[in-house]
Amino acid sequence: MKESSIANKILLRILIVAAIVIVIAAGVSYYLVMGMKKDIELQTQEHFELLIKERIKAKLDIGISNAVTISKNTDVIEALETNNRDLAIAALSSISNAMKNGTSFKNVKVHIHDKNVNSFLRNWKTEKYGDDLSSFRKTILEVKNTQKPLAAIEVGRAGLVLRGLAPIFNDAGEYIGSLEFIQGFNSVVKDFKADDEFLLVLMDEKLKRGNALTSQDKVGNYYISQKVIDESFKNSVKSLDFTKLINEGYLTDSSYFYTQFPIKDFQGNTIGTYLVGDHIKHVDTSFNESANLVYFMLVMMVILTLVLVFVIYYLFKKIITGGLNKFKRSFAEFLDFISFKTNTFTKPAVIQMMKLVKC
């Protein structure tokens, strides 16, 4: 009974130590898992930031390349120099048809401006021209002042648009006006949709011009600047706290992961925001893959700790039980010797007994 009692006390102490170790390991694992979750969310945010920058840059590059190319068209130059709008209409119509047949551009929008920053020709609305653009079209003024091409995002009546602008020079090298190649964001939105992700291009409500945008196009304090919209994502965004999103960088709910990046004009002014979203299950899948490894390691550590506890318990019990039995035999022989029941003295037994007593 004594042997069992001693072994049980040792087992209890070992179990307490093991429990402390397991609790500490669980705490460390929880800390690691939460850190991994934060890292995955930050990586997702960084991924979307790089993605939106690359895709918008690609659109701006296309815009400025087309603007420069069309601005060198001889008919366009002659039309602007001679104030021949019919020639310009025919030239842009030919260019537009060529693009429809040979490229992905099916709805080409080109706007030509004269050197006084008045509208010369809108190829999608030929009847509207002659209006002064100088009060609100800063990109045109910039091209006039620098006489260099420019690509930028700027406010339009239907929200934000991507503009590629180029100066137009006559044969004598004189500046006679400028041309812009206008693009929307729908193709970028479709690229995100193809990856089962979401994008809303939002313009600050304070920049609204005209009545083209209505309350149906509004989310929070922003107007949506695109035609391709995922209604489910849009409805979810309506309840989003934009101030908190901007301050924290990203937010999550039961359906989506949200992050945002400011939209700036060519002067560096914030004019809107890219609101990017992903299914929360995609983010959770990445997180679970990493977390499961931590949980597996924790379970394995618990199992190994328990195995080690019972191995130590078994060894201790065996040593204690064997040692006490040997001590009893040696002590009994010693008592028999000193009480003259025997006249045999077994030295090794006594020495072993003394060693055990010292231990």
Protein backbone atom coordinates (compact mmCIF):
# COMPACT_ATOMS: atom_id res chain seq x y z
CA MET A 1 0.00 0.00 0.00
CA LYS A 2 2.83 2.43 0.87
CA GLU A 3 4.48 1.82 -2.47
CA SER A 4 1.20 2.57 -4.25
CA SER A 5 0.63 5.69 -2.17
CA ILE A 6 4.09 7.08 -2.95
CA ALA A 7 3.69 6.28 -6.65
CA ASN A 8 0.28 7.97 -6.73
CA LYS A 9 1.68 11.12 -5.12
CA ILE A 10 4.44 11.21 -7.70
CA LEU A 11 1.89 10.64 -10.47
CA LEU A 12 -0.24 13.52 -9.17
CA ARG A 13 2.72 15.90 -9.19
CA ILE A 14 3.75 14.82 -12.67
CA LEU A 15 0.19 15.29 -13.91
CA ILE A 16 0.07 18.80 -12.43
CA VAL A 17 3.33 19.70 -14.19
CA ALA A 18 2.03 18.16 -17.43
CA ALA A 19 -1.24 20.09 -17.14
CA ILE A 20 0.67 23.34 -16.68
CA VAL A 21 2.80 22.56 -19.72
CA ILE A 22 -0.32 21.75 -21.80
CA VAL A 23 -2.09 24.95 -20.71
CA ILE A 24 0.99 27.02 -21.60
CA ALA A 25 1.25 25.23 -24.96
CA ALA A 26 -2.46 25.85 -25.63
CA GLY A 27 -2.00 29.55 -24.84
CA VAL A 28 1.02 29.80 -27.12
CA SER A 29 -0.90 27.96 -29.86
CA TYR A 30 -3.84 30.34 -29.53
CA TYR A 31 -1.47 33.29 -29.78
CA LEU A 32 0.15 31.76 -32.87
CA VAL A 33 -3.20 31.04 -34.50
CA MET A 34 -4.46 34.58 -33.91
CA GLY A 35 -1.19 35.93 -35.29
CA MET A 36 -1.53 33.71 -38.34
CA LYS A 37 -5.10 34.93 -38.88
CA LYS A 38 -3.90 38.53 -38.75
CA ASP A 39 -1.06 37.74 -41.15
CA ILE A 40 -3.40 36.05 -43.64
CA GLU A 41 -5.80 39.01 -43.53
CA LEU A 42 -2.92 41.44 -44.08
CA GLN A 43 -1.59 39.29 -46.92
CA THR A 44 -5.06 39.29 -48.48
CA GLN A 45 -5.18 43.07 -48.19
CA GLU A 46 -1.72 43.42 -49.76
CA HIS A 47 -2.70 41.01 -52.54
CA PHE A 48 -5.70 43.15 -53.46
CA GLU A 49 -3.68 46.36 -53.26
CA LEU A 50 -1.13 45.02 -55.75
CA LEU A 51 -3.88 43.60 -57.95
CA ILE A 52 -5.87 46.83 -58.19
CA LYS A 53 -2.73 48.86 -58.86
CA GLU A 54 -1.62 46.51 -61.66
CA ARG A 55 -5.03 46.39 -63.33
CA ILE A 56 -5.67 50.12 -63.14
CA LYS A 57 -2.14 50.88 -64.38
CA ALA A 58 -2.73 48.56 -67.33
CA LYS A 59 -5.93 50.46 -68.20
CA LEU A 60 -4.22 53.84 -67.88
CA ASP A 61 -1.33 52.64 -70.06
CA ILE A 62 -3.80 51.53 -72.72
CA GLY A 63 -5.60 54.84 -72.50
CA ILE A 64 -2.51 57.00 -72.92
CA SER A 65 -1.16 54.79 -75.73
CA ASN A 66 -4.39 55.05 -77.70
CA ALA A 67 -4.63 58.78 -77.06
CA VAL A 68 -1.10 59.35 -78.35
CA THR A 69 -1.72 57.16 -81.40
CA ILE A 70 -5.03 58.81 -82.37
CA SER A 71 -3.64 62.32 -81.72
CA LYS A 72 -1.14 61.73 -84.55
CA ASN A 73 -3.84 60.80 -87.06
CA THR A 74 -3.48 63.24 -89.96
CA ASP A 75 -7.24 63.63 -90.43
CA VAL A 76 -7.71 64.45 -86.75
CA ILE A 77 -4.93 67.06 -86.93
CA GLU A 78 -6.31 68.61 -90.10
CA ALA A 79 -9.87 68.62 -88.77
CA LEU A 80 -8.87 70.45 -85.60
CA GLU A 81 -6.62 72.91 -87.42
CA THR A 82 -9.24 73.74 -90.05
CA ASN A 83 -12.23 73.48 -87.70
CA ASN A 84 -13.68 70.72 -89.88
CA ARG A 85 -15.80 68.65 -87.48
CA ASP A 86 -17.18 66.42 -90.24
CA LEU A 87 -13.65 65.28 -91.07
CA ALA A 88 -13.00 64.57 -87.40
CA ILE A 89 -16.26 62.60 -87.09
CA ALA A 90 -15.36 60.48 -90.11
CA ALA A 91 -11.82 59.89 -88.81
CA LEU A 92 -12.95 58.82 -85.36
CA SER A 93 -15.71 56.65 -86.82
CA SER A 94 -13.14 54.81 -88.92
CA ILE A 95 -10.85 54.37 -85.93
CA SER A 96 -13.73 53.18 -83.74
CA ASN A 97 -14.86 50.59 -86.30
CA ALA A 98 -11.31 49.30 -86.68
CA MET A 99 -11.05 48.89 -82.90
CA LYS A 100 -14.40 47.12 -82.68
CA ASN A 101 -13.33 44.60 -85.29
CA GLY A 102 -9.76 44.03 -84.13
CA THR A 103 -9.65 44.66 -80.38
CA SER A 104 -11.70 44.28 -77.21
CA PHE A 105 -12.78 47.93 -77.36
CA LYS A 106 -16.42 47.86 -78.46
CA ASN A 107 -17.51 51.27 -77.25
CA VAL A 108 -14.65 53.67 -77.97
CA LYS A 109 -15.04 57.14 -76.47
CA VAL A 110 -12.76 59.88 -77.81
CA HIS A 111 -13.04 63.56 -76.93
CA ILE A 112 -11.14 66.23 -78.84
CA HIS A 113 -10.56 69.69 -77.33
CA ASP A 114 -9.28 72.82 -79.02
CA LYS A 115 -6.36 74.90 -77.76
CA ASN A 116 -8.73 77.10 -75.74
CA VAL A 117 -9.97 74.05 -73.77
CA ASN A 118 -13.35 74.02 -75.48
CA SER A 119 -14.97 70.79 -76.59
CA PHE A 120 -14.40 70.21 -80.31
CA LEU A 121 -15.88 66.74 -80.70
CA ARG A 122 -17.32 63.97 -78.56
CA ASN A 123 -17.57 60.96 -80.82
CA TRP A 124 -20.40 59.44 -78.73
CA LYS A 125 -22.40 62.71 -78.67
CA THR A 126 -21.47 64.64 -81.78
CA GLU A 127 -24.21 67.21 -81.38
CA LYS A 128 -22.72 68.52 -78.14
CA TYR A 129 -19.65 70.70 -78.64
CA GLY A 130 -18.25 74.15 -78.06
CA ASP A 131 -18.70 74.09 -74.26
CA ASP A 132 -15.95 75.56 -72.10
CA LEU A 133 -14.16 72.82 -70.13
CA SER A 134 -11.57 74.97 -68.39
CA SER A 135 -13.48 75.36 -65.10
CA PHE A 136 -13.53 71.66 -64.18
CA ARG A 137 -11.26 69.67 -66.53
CA LYS A 138 -7.91 69.97 -64.80
CA THR A 139 -6.31 67.20 -66.85
CA ILE A 140 -6.90 69.08 -70.10
CA LEU A 141 -5.39 72.22 -68.59
CA GLU A 142 -2.40 70.17 -67.43
CA VAL A 143 -1.82 68.79 -70.94
CA LYS A 144 -2.13 72.30 -72.39
CA ASN A 145 0.40 73.67 -69.89
CA THR A 146 2.92 70.82 -70.17
CA GLN A 147 2.14 69.79 -73.76
CA LYS A 148 2.85 66.22 -72.68
CA PRO A 149 0.65 63.09 -72.54
CA LEU A 150 -1.11 62.31 -69.28
CA ALA A 151 -3.07 59.38 -67.86
CA ALA A 152 -5.33 59.92 -64.86
CA ILE A 153 -8.59 59.12 -63.13
CA GLU A 154 -10.96 62.07 -63.19
CA VAL A 155 -14.56 62.88 -62.31
CA GLY A 156 -17.20 62.64 -65.01
CA ARG A 157 -20.97 63.02 -65.04
CA ALA A 158 -21.39 59.26 -64.58
CA GLY A 159 -18.76 59.04 -61.85
CA LEU A 160 -15.07 58.36 -62.12
CA VAL A 161 -13.48 57.54 -65.48
CA LEU A 162 -10.00 56.67 -66.72
CA ARG A 163 -8.62 59.22 -69.14
CA GLY A 164 -5.60 59.01 -71.42
CA LEU A 165 -4.77 62.43 -72.86
CA ALA A 166 -2.31 63.60 -75.50
CA PRO A 167 -1.52 67.00 -77.02
CA ILE A 168 -2.20 67.56 -80.72
CA PHE A 169 0.39 69.42 -82.79
CA ASN A 170 0.18 70.62 -86.39
CA ASP A 171 2.91 70.06 -88.96
CA ALA A 172 4.68 73.19 -87.74
CA GLY A 173 4.86 71.75 -84.23
CA GLU A 174 2.33 74.20 -82.79
CA TYR A 175 -0.05 73.09 -80.05
CA ILE A 176 -3.57 73.17 -81.47
CA GLY A 177 -5.50 71.17 -78.90
CA SER A 178 -5.68 67.82 -77.16
CA LEU A 179 -7.40 64.46 -77.36
CA GLU A 180 -8.53 62.04 -74.68
CA PHE A 181 -9.30 58.35 -74.82
CA ILE A 182 -11.94 57.61 -72.16
CA GLN A 183 -12.45 54.27 -70.43
CA GLY A 184 -14.72 52.98 -67.70
CA PHE A 185 -13.96 50.44 -64.98
CA ASN A 186 -16.23 47.63 -66.16
CA SER A 187 -13.44 45.48 -67.61
CA VAL A 188 -11.50 45.73 -64.33
CA VAL A 189 -14.63 44.78 -62.39
CA LYS A 190 -15.13 41.80 -64.70
CA ASP A 191 -11.53 40.68 -64.11
CA PHE A 192 -12.23 40.57 -60.38
CA LYS A 193 -15.53 38.79 -60.96
CA ALA A 194 -13.75 36.15 -63.06
CA ASP A 195 -11.65 35.36 -59.96
CA ASP A 196 -14.82 35.20 -57.82
CA GLU A 197 -13.87 38.51 -56.18
CA PHE A 198 -15.61 41.87 -56.09
CA LEU A 199 -14.83 45.50 -56.86
CA LEU A 200 -16.82 48.69 -56.40
CA VAL A 201 -15.32 51.91 -57.77
CA LEU A 202 -16.73 54.63 -55.55
CA MET A 203 -16.65 58.40 -56.06
CA ASP A 204 -16.88 60.86 -53.18
CA GLU A 205 -20.44 62.26 -53.15
CA LYS A 206 -19.11 65.83 -52.90
CA LEU A 207 -17.72 65.54 -56.44
CA LYS A 208 -21.01 64.70 -58.12
CA ARG A 209 -21.74 66.64 -61.33
CA GLY A 210 -25.15 66.80 -62.95
CA ASN A 211 -28.04 64.39 -62.45
CA ALA A 212 -26.71 61.26 -64.14
CA LEU A 213 -26.11 59.58 -60.79
CA THR A 214 -29.08 58.84 -58.53
CA SER A 215 -29.65 57.42 -55.05
CA GLN A 216 -29.74 53.96 -56.63
CA ASP A 217 -26.07 54.41 -57.46
CA LYS A 218 -25.15 55.43 -53.93
CA VAL A 219 -23.41 53.44 -51.18
CA GLY A 220 -22.73 55.33 -47.97
CA ASN A 221 -21.21 58.68 -48.91
CA TYR A 222 -20.13 57.44 -52.33
CA TYR A 223 -21.54 56.98 -55.83
CA ILE A 224 -20.79 53.80 -57.77
CA SER A 225 -18.78 54.49 -60.95
CA GLN A 226 -19.49 51.31 -62.91
CA LYS A 227 -22.29 49.48 -64.65
CA VAL A 228 -21.27 45.90 -63.86
CA ILE A 229 -22.33 45.36 -60.23
CA ASP A 230 -22.82 42.29 -58.05
CA GLU A 231 -26.08 43.11 -56.28
CA SER A 232 -25.45 40.78 -53.34
CA PHE A 233 -22.08 42.40 -52.62
CA LYS A 234 -23.55 45.88 -53.12
CA ASN A 235 -26.35 45.19 -50.61
CA SER A 236 -23.84 43.87 -48.09
CA VAL A 237 -21.70 46.99 -48.49
CA LYS A 238 -24.63 49.28 -47.64
CA SER A 239 -24.32 48.35 -43.96
CA LEU A 240 -20.54 48.76 -43.92
CA ASP A 241 -18.90 51.26 -41.57
CA PHE A 242 -16.63 53.07 -44.05
CA THR A 243 -14.94 55.16 -41.37
CA LYS A 244 -13.92 52.03 -39.49
CA LEU A 245 -12.88 50.33 -42.73
CA ILE A 246 -10.63 53.25 -43.71
CA ASN A 247 -9.09 53.43 -40.22
CA GLU A 248 -8.48 49.68 -39.84
CA GLY A 249 -7.67 48.84 -43.45
CA TYR A 250 -10.01 45.86 -43.70
CA LEU A 251 -13.13 44.37 -42.12
CA THR A 252 -14.89 41.02 -42.19
CA ASP A 253 -18.41 39.78 -41.64
CA SER A 254 -20.12 36.41 -42.05
CA SER A 255 -20.09 36.70 -45.85
CA TYR A 256 -17.21 38.87 -47.06
CA PHE A 257 -13.73 40.18 -46.47
CA TYR A 258 -13.59 43.92 -47.27
CA THR A 259 -10.67 46.22 -47.89
CA GLN A 260 -10.32 49.62 -49.53
CA PHE A 261 -7.72 51.76 -51.25
CA PRO A 262 -8.00 55.48 -52.00
CA ILE A 263 -8.48 56.70 -55.56
CA LYS A 264 -6.38 59.76 -56.30
CA ASP A 265 -6.38 62.17 -59.20
CA PHE A 266 -3.18 63.26 -60.98
CA GLN A 267 -2.65 65.97 -58.36
CA GLY A 268 -2.76 63.48 -55.50
CA ASN A 269 -6.21 64.45 -54.22
CA THR A 270 -8.41 61.64 -52.92
CA ILE A 271 -11.55 61.51 -55.07
CA GLY A 272 -12.94 58.13 -54.14
CA THR A 273 -12.14 54.62 -53.03
CA TYR A 274 -11.70 51.15 -54.49
CA LEU A 275 -13.78 48.82 -52.34
CA VAL A 276 -12.55 45.27 -52.87
CA GLY A 277 -14.20 42.18 -51.45
CA ASP A 278 -13.71 38.44 -51.30
CA HIS A 279 -15.83 35.60 -50.01
CA ILE A 280 -14.97 35.09 -46.35
CA LYS A 281 -14.79 31.35 -47.02
CA HIS A 282 -11.75 31.94 -49.26
CA VAL A 283 -9.92 33.76 -46.47
CA ASP A 284 -11.03 31.19 -43.90
CA THR A 285 -9.78 28.35 -46.07
CA SER A 286 -6.29 29.84 -46.13
CA PHE A 287 -6.47 30.44 -42.38
CA ASN A 288 -7.76 26.94 -41.59
CA GLU A 289 -4.97 25.30 -43.57
CA SER A 290 -2.39 27.07 -41.42
CA ALA A 291 -4.32 26.77 -38.15
CA ASN A 292 -4.87 23.03 -38.59
CA LEU A 293 -1.11 22.51 -38.63
CA VAL A 294 -0.80 24.32 -35.28
CA TYR A 295 -3.72 22.35 -33.83
CA PHE A 296 -2.18 19.09 -35.05
CA MET A 297 1.12 19.95 -33.41
CA LEU A 298 -0.70 20.85 -30.16
CA VAL A 299 -2.61 17.54 -30.14
CA MET A 300 0.59 15.61 -30.83
CA MET A 301 2.33 17.44 -27.98
CA VAL A 302 -0.55 16.63 -25.60
CA ILE A 303 -0.44 12.97 -26.59
CA LEU A 304 3.34 12.78 -26.23
CA THR A 305 3.17 14.57 -22.87
CA LEU A 306 0.58 12.10 -21.54
CA VAL A 307 2.58 9.15 -22.85
CA LEU A 308 5.70 10.56 -21.19
CA VAL A 309 3.80 11.03 -17.92
CA PHE A 310 2.66 7.43 -17.78
CA VAL A 311 6.07 6.12 -18.86
CA ILE A 312 7.69 8.11 -16.05
CA TYR A 313 4.99 6.92 -13.64
CA TYR A 314 5.57 3.31 -14.65
CA LEU A 315 9.34 3.63 -14.27
CA PHE A 316 9.07 5.42 -10.94
CA LYS A 317 6.62 2.86 -9.63
CA LYS A 318 8.86 0.01 -10.74
CA ILE A 319 11.94 1.62 -9.21
CA ILE A 320 10.19 2.52 -5.95
CA THR A 321 8.46 -0.84 -5.61
CA GLY A 322 11.62 -2.76 -6.46
CA GLY A 323 13.76 -0.56 -4.23
CA LEU A 324 11.45 -0.86 -1.22
CA ASN A 325 11.18 -4.62 -1.61
CA LYS A 326 14.96 -4.91 -1.76
CA PHE A 327 15.23 -2.63 1.25
CA LYS A 328 12.74 -4.79 3.18
CA ARG A 329 14.68 -7.96 2.42
CA SER A 330 17.99 -6.39 3.33
CA PHE A 331 16.61 -4.83 6.48
CA ALA A 332 15.04 -8.13 7.52
CA GLU A 333 18.34 -9.90 7.02
CA PHE A 334 20.03 -7.19 9.03
CA LEU A 335 17.53 -7.57 11.89
CA ASP A 336 17.95 -11.34 11.83
CA PHE A 337 21.70 -10.87 11.99
CA ILE A 338 21.74 -8.45 14.91
CA SER A 339 19.14 -10.50 16.81
CA PHE A 340 21.34 -13.60 16.36
CA LYS A 341 18.66 -15.41 14.39
CA THR A 342 21.30 -15.92 11.77
CA ASN A 343 25.03 -15.78 11.88
CA THR A 344 25.42 -14.82 8.25
CA PHE A 345 26.27 -11.26 7.28
CA THR A 346 25.58 -10.33 3.66
CA LYS A 347 27.59 -7.20 3.08
CA PRO A 348 26.23 -6.26 -0.32
CA ALA A 349 22.68 -6.28 0.99
CA VAL A 350 23.55 -3.89 3.81
CA ILE A 351 25.49 -1.60 1.48
CA GLN A 352 22.57 -1.59 -0.94
CA MET A 353 20.25 -0.90 1.98
CA MET A 354 22.36 2.09 3.04
CA LYS A 355 22.40 3.44 -0.50
CA LEU A 356 18.64 3.24 -0.65
CA VAL A 357 18.30 4.94 2.72
CA LYS A 358 20.56 7.80 1.55
CA CYS A 359 18.47 8.18 -1.55
